[in-house]
Amino acid sequence: NWEQLLRALYNKPLYQKPALGSPPAFIEDIARPSLPTIGKFGLLKDAILNARPGVTLARRDFLDAAIDYADSFRVRKAPEVPHIDEKVLADLHSLLPMRDQLVDWLMLESVAPSPQFDDVLIDLLEKILALKYRPSEISQGQDGWFDAHGIFVYEMFLYVVAALLAAGRDHTLKLVLSTQYLLPEEERHRDGGLASYDEFFTYASSLAARKSRLKLNRISLIADIIKERATRKDIPFRDIMQAELVVLLVTLLSENTRWYPHTLVYAGHGGMKFPFFVRAAQHRYFERIKLITGIETGDELRQKFMEGCSRHEVGRWEGLRFWANVSFPDAMSLEALDTVK
């Protein structure tokens, strides 16, 4: 027992207690609200993974409840806050768990989608899009009232694109980027009641006011928010930027859509490259871009891209300083696309 005695005297036990690991999220983030959809998503997940009957009903029950929850945070009366941007940030915090649960559903079903998956996703996107507008039961709103949901809608769209890219669901992504979305009834007086994917884009007057009021030396508060909220390991912020780069590419190749990529203000850091485009130097990976854009070859894409930059007046975009350190062609590995057999 001599060694035991010495260890006791010098407080050097033979066996050390293991250090505690990282606390689970439900302990660490105690301020995050509990979701009323947790049980519904659990039932849906079980039904999908075990091929149980009733998947369609369980899916509808979950998605409807998810939209209802997000809708419950829409402003319907004047917020009792000194600065509307504070409410915008608080509501975004409350919507974050729902964003993650919807992405969980998307990742689950995009791997082995049902025949109804495309239609279900488009219907969900239309319901998400409707959240950014004034609720039908109020007659008017003020600047900034609906900014939280505008940012949520923009963010959800980028996560949808990123998830579909990760799952290789290029046909579905092509559908998402070519569909005309039905606007909510209050907005159908314009554009024939339909809108393309660029309707998911957003500005936020409340954040512009916040930036001025607090003298924040930031390029884009929306980009900062999306980056700060990119906490998922399966879809990191780089994947969100990559998704927005794909959306930008499709936009520049078109004539009737507009998209000014918030998150790509971070793409100039270190001359960032993105795997989807780097791989597309090889012809077999370029086939994915071909499917999404409808352009047959890398040479044709380069020509159409430059024509699109001219048509969209990329060099004269208002607020060009946002992307002063970003080269979109370099980020897309444009010169290398489809150059390797």
Protein backbone atom coordinates (compact mmCIF):
# COMPACT_ATOMS: atom_id res chain seq x y z
CA ASN A 1 0.00 0.00 0.00
CA TRP A 2 3.08 2.25 -0.08
CA GLU A 3 2.22 3.71 -3.54
CA GLN A 4 -1.39 4.34 -2.47
CA LEU A 5 -0.15 6.19 0.62
CA LEU A 6 2.19 8.41 -1.43
CA ARG A 7 -0.50 9.16 -3.99
CA ALA A 8 -2.90 10.11 -1.20
CA LEU A 9 -0.32 12.38 0.45
CA TYR A 10 0.51 14.20 -2.78
CA ASN A 11 -3.05 14.15 -4.16
CA LYS A 12 -1.98 12.18 -7.26
CA PRO A 13 -4.59 9.43 -7.63
CA LEU A 14 -3.84 6.55 -9.98
CA TYR A 15 -7.15 6.94 -11.78
CA GLN A 16 -8.37 10.35 -12.90
CA LYS A 17 -12.03 11.17 -13.34
CA PRO A 18 -12.77 11.84 -17.01
CA ALA A 19 -13.46 15.44 -17.98
CA LEU A 20 -17.04 16.37 -18.77
CA GLY A 21 -17.81 16.56 -22.47
CA SER A 22 -19.65 19.36 -24.19
CA PRO A 23 -23.10 19.95 -22.73
CA PRO A 24 -26.04 18.86 -24.88
CA ALA A 25 -27.78 21.59 -26.83
CA PHE A 26 -30.97 21.48 -24.77
CA ILE A 27 -28.94 22.43 -21.67
CA GLU A 28 -26.66 24.97 -23.33
CA ASP A 29 -29.37 26.87 -25.21
CA ILE A 30 -31.99 27.15 -22.50
CA ALA A 31 -33.52 30.23 -24.11
CA ARG A 32 -34.45 28.38 -27.30
CA PRO A 33 -38.20 27.77 -27.37
CA SER A 34 -39.61 24.26 -27.40
CA LEU A 35 -41.28 23.29 -30.65
CA PRO A 36 -44.87 22.02 -30.73
CA THR A 37 -43.93 19.98 -33.81
CA ILE A 38 -41.38 17.69 -32.15
CA GLY A 39 -43.83 14.82 -31.67
CA LYS A 40 -45.27 15.22 -35.17
CA PHE A 41 -41.81 15.11 -36.72
CA GLY A 42 -40.96 12.03 -34.66
CA LEU A 43 -44.04 10.22 -35.97
CA LEU A 44 -43.24 11.24 -39.55
CA LYS A 45 -39.62 10.14 -39.27
CA ASP A 46 -40.64 6.77 -37.85
CA ALA A 47 -43.20 6.29 -40.62
CA ILE A 48 -40.65 7.11 -43.35
CA LEU A 49 -37.78 5.02 -41.96
CA ASN A 50 -39.98 2.00 -41.28
CA ALA A 51 -42.17 2.30 -44.39
CA ARG A 52 -45.30 2.53 -42.28
CA PRO A 53 -48.68 3.44 -43.77
CA GLY A 54 -49.87 6.99 -43.24
CA VAL A 55 -46.68 8.80 -44.32
CA THR A 56 -48.68 11.26 -46.42
CA LEU A 57 -50.94 12.22 -43.53
CA ALA A 58 -48.06 12.42 -41.06
CA ARG A 59 -46.09 14.62 -43.46
CA ARG A 60 -49.01 16.97 -44.01
CA ASP A 61 -49.65 17.16 -40.26
CA PHE A 62 -46.02 18.05 -39.53
CA LEU A 63 -45.53 20.59 -42.34
CA ASP A 64 -48.83 22.35 -41.61
CA ALA A 65 -47.92 22.61 -37.93
CA ALA A 66 -44.46 23.93 -38.85
CA ILE A 67 -45.93 26.71 -41.00
CA ASP A 68 -48.48 27.55 -38.29
CA TYR A 69 -45.68 27.88 -35.74
CA ALA A 70 -43.65 30.19 -38.01
CA ASP A 71 -46.79 32.19 -38.78
CA SER A 72 -47.46 32.71 -35.07
CA PHE A 73 -44.46 35.09 -34.90
CA ARG A 74 -45.69 37.36 -37.70
CA VAL A 75 -46.38 40.90 -36.52
CA ARG A 76 -50.08 41.66 -36.34
CA LYS A 77 -50.02 44.76 -34.14
CA ALA A 78 -47.52 47.49 -33.46
CA PRO A 79 -44.58 45.98 -31.52
CA GLU A 80 -44.02 47.53 -28.11
CA VAL A 81 -40.28 47.94 -28.52
CA PRO A 82 -38.19 51.09 -28.85
CA HIS A 83 -36.38 49.71 -31.91
CA ILE A 84 -38.00 47.28 -34.36
CA ASP A 85 -34.66 45.62 -35.14
CA GLU A 86 -34.56 44.19 -31.61
CA LYS A 87 -37.83 42.38 -32.24
CA VAL A 88 -36.59 41.21 -35.63
CA LEU A 89 -33.55 39.57 -34.01
CA ALA A 90 -35.65 38.06 -31.20
CA ASP A 91 -38.14 36.57 -33.67
CA LEU A 92 -35.32 35.15 -35.79
CA HIS A 93 -33.96 33.45 -32.67
CA SER A 94 -37.37 31.90 -32.04
CA LEU A 95 -37.60 30.71 -35.66
CA LEU A 96 -34.18 29.05 -35.70
CA PRO A 97 -35.30 25.69 -34.22
CA MET A 98 -38.06 25.49 -36.83
CA ARG A 99 -35.57 26.17 -39.60
CA ASP A 100 -33.48 23.26 -38.37
CA GLN A 101 -36.43 20.92 -38.08
CA LEU A 102 -37.58 21.73 -41.60
CA VAL A 103 -34.03 21.11 -42.84
CA ASP A 104 -34.00 17.81 -40.91
CA TRP A 105 -37.15 16.82 -42.80
CA LEU A 106 -35.67 17.91 -46.11
CA MET A 107 -32.45 15.98 -45.55
CA LEU A 108 -34.45 12.91 -44.55
CA GLU A 109 -36.75 12.89 -47.56
CA SER A 110 -34.29 14.12 -50.19
CA VAL A 111 -32.09 11.05 -49.76
CA ALA A 112 -34.83 8.62 -50.75
CA PRO A 113 -37.72 10.83 -51.83
CA SER A 114 -41.25 9.64 -52.36
CA PRO A 115 -42.95 10.17 -55.74
CA GLN A 116 -44.76 13.14 -54.16
CA PHE A 117 -41.57 14.79 -52.87
CA ASP A 118 -41.21 17.43 -55.60
CA ASP A 119 -44.83 18.56 -55.35
CA VAL A 120 -44.69 18.60 -51.56
CA LEU A 121 -41.52 20.70 -51.60
CA ILE A 122 -42.93 23.26 -54.05
CA ASP A 123 -46.11 23.53 -51.98
CA LEU A 124 -44.03 24.03 -48.83
CA LEU A 125 -41.91 26.72 -50.51
CA GLU A 126 -45.07 28.61 -51.50
CA LYS A 127 -46.27 28.53 -47.90
CA ILE A 128 -42.87 29.65 -46.63
CA LEU A 129 -42.79 32.48 -49.18
CA ALA A 130 -46.20 33.73 -47.98
CA LEU A 131 -44.72 34.33 -44.52
CA LYS A 132 -42.72 37.36 -45.67
CA TYR A 133 -45.81 39.41 -46.50
CA ARG A 134 -48.38 41.28 -44.44
CA PRO A 135 -50.86 38.90 -42.77
CA SER A 136 -54.27 39.01 -44.42
CA GLU A 137 -56.06 40.05 -41.22
CA ILE A 138 -54.27 43.40 -40.93
CA SER A 139 -54.68 46.25 -43.40
CA GLN A 140 -51.23 47.77 -43.21
CA GLY A 141 -47.80 47.53 -41.65
CA GLN A 142 -44.77 49.72 -41.14
CA ASP A 143 -41.19 49.40 -42.36
CA GLY A 144 -39.40 46.55 -40.68
CA TRP A 145 -42.45 44.79 -39.25
CA PHE A 146 -42.01 41.75 -41.48
CA ASP A 147 -38.21 41.71 -41.78
CA ALA A 148 -37.73 38.70 -39.49
CA HIS A 149 -39.82 36.52 -41.76
CA GLY A 150 -38.26 38.05 -44.87
CA ILE A 151 -34.83 36.93 -43.62
CA PHE A 152 -36.24 33.56 -42.51
CA VAL A 153 -37.72 32.99 -46.00
CA TYR A 154 -34.44 33.94 -47.69
CA GLU A 155 -32.48 31.70 -45.34
CA MET A 156 -34.83 28.74 -45.79
CA PHE A 157 -34.53 29.00 -49.57
CA LEU A 158 -30.73 28.87 -49.38
CA TYR A 159 -30.91 25.83 -47.09
CA VAL A 160 -33.29 24.10 -49.51
CA VAL A 161 -30.84 24.68 -52.38
CA ALA A 162 -27.88 23.55 -50.24
CA ALA A 163 -29.68 20.40 -49.08
CA LEU A 164 -30.68 19.44 -52.62
CA LEU A 165 -27.11 19.96 -53.83
CA ALA A 166 -25.78 17.82 -50.99
CA ALA A 167 -28.25 15.04 -51.81
CA GLY A 168 -27.58 15.23 -55.54
CA ARG A 169 -31.24 16.07 -56.23
CA ASP A 170 -30.43 18.13 -59.31
CA HIS A 171 -33.75 17.44 -61.04
CA THR A 172 -35.59 18.77 -58.00
CA LEU A 173 -33.28 21.78 -57.79
CA LYS A 174 -33.96 22.52 -61.46
CA LEU A 175 -37.67 22.45 -60.62
CA VAL A 176 -37.22 24.77 -57.63
CA LEU A 177 -35.33 27.29 -59.79
CA SER A 178 -37.78 27.16 -62.71
CA THR A 179 -41.15 27.06 -60.92
CA GLN A 180 -43.49 30.04 -60.85
CA TYR A 181 -44.68 30.27 -57.25
CA LEU A 182 -48.24 31.23 -56.40
CA LEU A 183 -48.26 34.43 -54.38
CA PRO A 184 -50.56 34.85 -51.37
CA GLU A 185 -53.94 36.33 -52.20
CA GLU A 186 -53.03 39.83 -51.02
CA GLU A 187 -50.12 39.93 -53.50
CA ARG A 188 -51.82 38.47 -56.57
CA HIS A 189 -52.60 41.88 -58.02
CA ARG A 190 -49.05 41.94 -59.43
CA ASP A 191 -47.19 39.74 -61.92
CA GLY A 192 -50.28 37.68 -62.64
CA GLY A 193 -50.18 36.28 -59.12
CA LEU A 194 -47.01 34.27 -59.81
CA ALA A 195 -43.36 34.88 -58.99
CA SER A 196 -40.04 33.19 -59.75
CA TYR A 197 -37.50 32.07 -57.17
CA ASP A 198 -36.07 35.59 -56.81
CA GLU A 199 -39.13 36.45 -54.71
CA PHE A 200 -37.36 34.59 -51.88
CA PHE A 201 -34.67 37.27 -51.83
CA THR A 202 -34.93 39.98 -49.18
CA TYR A 203 -33.71 43.30 -47.91
CA ALA A 204 -34.29 44.49 -44.34
CA SER A 205 -34.90 48.15 -43.64
CA SER A 206 -34.80 47.47 -39.89
CA LEU A 207 -31.23 46.16 -40.13
CA ALA A 208 -30.17 49.14 -42.21
CA ALA A 209 -31.53 51.35 -39.42
CA ARG A 210 -29.75 49.20 -36.80
CA LYS A 211 -26.47 49.49 -38.66
CA SER A 212 -26.81 53.28 -38.73
CA ARG A 213 -28.07 53.61 -35.14
CA LEU A 214 -25.30 51.48 -33.62
CA LYS A 215 -22.65 52.68 -36.09
CA LEU A 216 -21.83 49.10 -37.03
CA ASN A 217 -18.93 48.85 -39.46
CA ARG A 218 -20.33 45.77 -41.18
CA ILE A 219 -20.81 45.16 -44.89
CA SER A 220 -24.06 43.17 -44.62
CA LEU A 221 -25.90 42.44 -41.38
CA ILE A 222 -28.02 39.86 -43.21
CA ALA A 223 -24.85 38.01 -44.24
CA ASP A 224 -23.60 38.21 -40.64
CA ILE A 225 -26.88 36.80 -39.32
CA ILE A 226 -26.93 33.90 -41.81
CA LYS A 227 -23.30 33.09 -40.97
CA GLU A 228 -23.86 33.26 -37.21
CA ARG A 229 -26.89 30.96 -37.52
CA ALA A 230 -25.08 28.41 -39.71
CA THR A 231 -24.61 26.00 -36.82
CA ARG A 232 -25.44 22.74 -38.60
CA LYS A 233 -22.53 20.35 -39.21
CA ASP A 234 -24.25 18.73 -42.19
CA ILE A 235 -24.78 22.08 -43.96
CA PRO A 236 -21.97 24.44 -42.91
CA PHE A 237 -21.84 28.08 -43.96
CA ARG A 238 -19.58 27.27 -46.92
CA ASP A 239 -22.40 25.11 -48.32
CA ILE A 240 -24.82 28.03 -47.91
CA MET A 241 -22.48 30.29 -49.87
CA GLN A 242 -22.10 27.58 -52.51
CA ALA A 243 -25.89 27.32 -52.77
CA GLU A 244 -26.17 31.07 -53.25
CA LEU A 245 -23.46 30.95 -55.90
CA VAL A 246 -25.53 28.39 -57.83
CA VAL A 247 -28.58 30.66 -57.52
CA LEU A 248 -26.50 33.60 -58.74
CA LEU A 249 -25.27 31.58 -61.74
CA VAL A 250 -28.82 30.69 -62.75
CA THR A 251 -29.82 34.34 -62.29
CA LEU A 252 -27.04 35.71 -64.48
CA LEU A 253 -27.99 33.23 -67.20
CA SER A 254 -31.59 34.43 -67.19
CA GLU A 255 -33.21 37.67 -68.29
CA ASN A 256 -36.11 38.13 -65.91
CA THR A 257 -34.75 37.36 -62.43
CA ARG A 258 -32.66 39.36 -59.98
CA TRP A 259 -30.52 38.16 -57.09
CA TYR A 260 -27.89 40.05 -55.10
CA PRO A 261 -26.03 37.49 -52.96
CA HIS A 262 -25.70 38.60 -49.35
CA THR A 263 -23.62 35.67 -48.10
CA LEU A 264 -21.01 35.95 -50.84
CA VAL A 265 -19.50 38.98 -49.12
CA TYR A 266 -17.57 36.27 -47.27
CA ALA A 267 -16.42 34.51 -50.45
CA GLY A 268 -13.54 36.93 -50.96
CA HIS A 269 -11.79 35.74 -47.82
CA GLY A 270 -8.78 33.78 -49.06
CA GLY A 271 -10.07 33.37 -52.62
CA MET A 272 -12.60 30.75 -51.54
CA LYS A 273 -13.32 27.83 -53.91
CA PHE A 274 -16.42 25.65 -53.77
CA PRO A 275 -16.42 21.86 -54.29
CA PHE A 276 -19.50 21.76 -56.56
CA PHE A 277 -17.74 24.02 -59.08
CA VAL A 278 -14.21 22.67 -58.59
CA ARG A 279 -15.40 19.14 -59.38
CA ALA A 280 -17.27 20.44 -62.45
CA ALA A 281 -13.93 20.84 -64.24
CA GLN A 282 -14.55 17.16 -65.01
CA HIS A 283 -17.16 16.60 -67.70
CA ARG A 284 -19.12 14.03 -65.70
CA TYR A 285 -19.56 16.51 -62.83
CA PHE A 286 -20.30 19.34 -65.24
CA GLU A 287 -23.36 17.29 -66.21
CA ARG A 288 -24.92 18.49 -62.93
CA ILE A 289 -24.50 22.12 -63.95
CA LYS A 290 -25.81 21.23 -67.40
CA LEU A 291 -28.95 19.75 -65.88
CA ILE A 292 -29.55 22.74 -63.60
CA THR A 293 -28.84 25.45 -66.17
CA GLY A 294 -29.73 23.74 -69.45
CA ILE A 295 -26.38 24.78 -70.98
CA GLU A 296 -24.56 22.02 -72.82
CA THR A 297 -20.84 22.85 -72.56
CA GLY A 298 -18.37 24.80 -70.49
CA ASP A 299 -17.51 27.07 -73.42
CA GLU A 300 -21.17 27.93 -73.95
CA LEU A 301 -21.59 28.55 -70.23
CA ARG A 302 -18.63 30.94 -70.14
CA GLN A 303 -20.04 32.89 -73.07
CA LYS A 304 -23.57 33.02 -71.59
CA PHE A 305 -22.16 33.98 -68.20
CA MET A 306 -20.30 37.01 -69.56
CA GLU A 307 -23.36 38.04 -71.58
CA GLY A 308 -25.42 37.74 -68.40
CA CYS A 309 -22.98 39.90 -66.41
CA SER A 310 -23.35 42.58 -69.08
CA ARG A 311 -27.13 42.23 -69.27
CA HIS A 312 -27.54 42.44 -65.49
CA GLU A 313 -24.96 45.26 -65.29
CA VAL A 314 -23.05 43.45 -62.59
CA GLY A 315 -20.33 46.08 -62.71
CA ARG A 316 -22.83 48.78 -61.79
CA TRP A 317 -24.83 47.01 -59.09
CA GLU A 318 -25.83 49.43 -56.38
CA GLY A 319 -23.76 48.63 -53.32
CA LEU A 320 -21.03 46.95 -55.40
CA ARG A 321 -18.67 47.55 -52.46
CA PHE A 322 -20.40 44.51 -50.92
CA TRP A 323 -18.51 42.26 -53.29
CA ALA A 324 -15.40 44.39 -53.82
CA ASN A 325 -13.08 41.52 -52.87
CA VAL A 326 -15.08 38.78 -54.60
CA SER A 327 -14.61 37.51 -58.13
CA PHE A 328 -17.72 35.55 -59.09
CA PRO A 329 -15.95 33.83 -62.04
CA ASP A 330 -13.11 32.73 -59.74
CA ALA A 331 -15.52 31.51 -57.06
CA MET A 332 -17.30 29.45 -59.75
CA SER A 333 -13.98 28.16 -61.16
CA LEU A 334 -15.48 29.38 -64.42
CA GLU A 335 -12.43 28.99 -66.66
CA ALA A 336 -11.91 25.38 -65.58
CA LEU A 337 -15.50 24.16 -66.01
CA ASP A 338 -15.87 21.19 -68.35
CA THR A 339 -12.20 21.20 -69.35
CA VAL A 340 -11.31 17.69 -68.14
CA LYS A 341 -12.66 14.57 -69.84
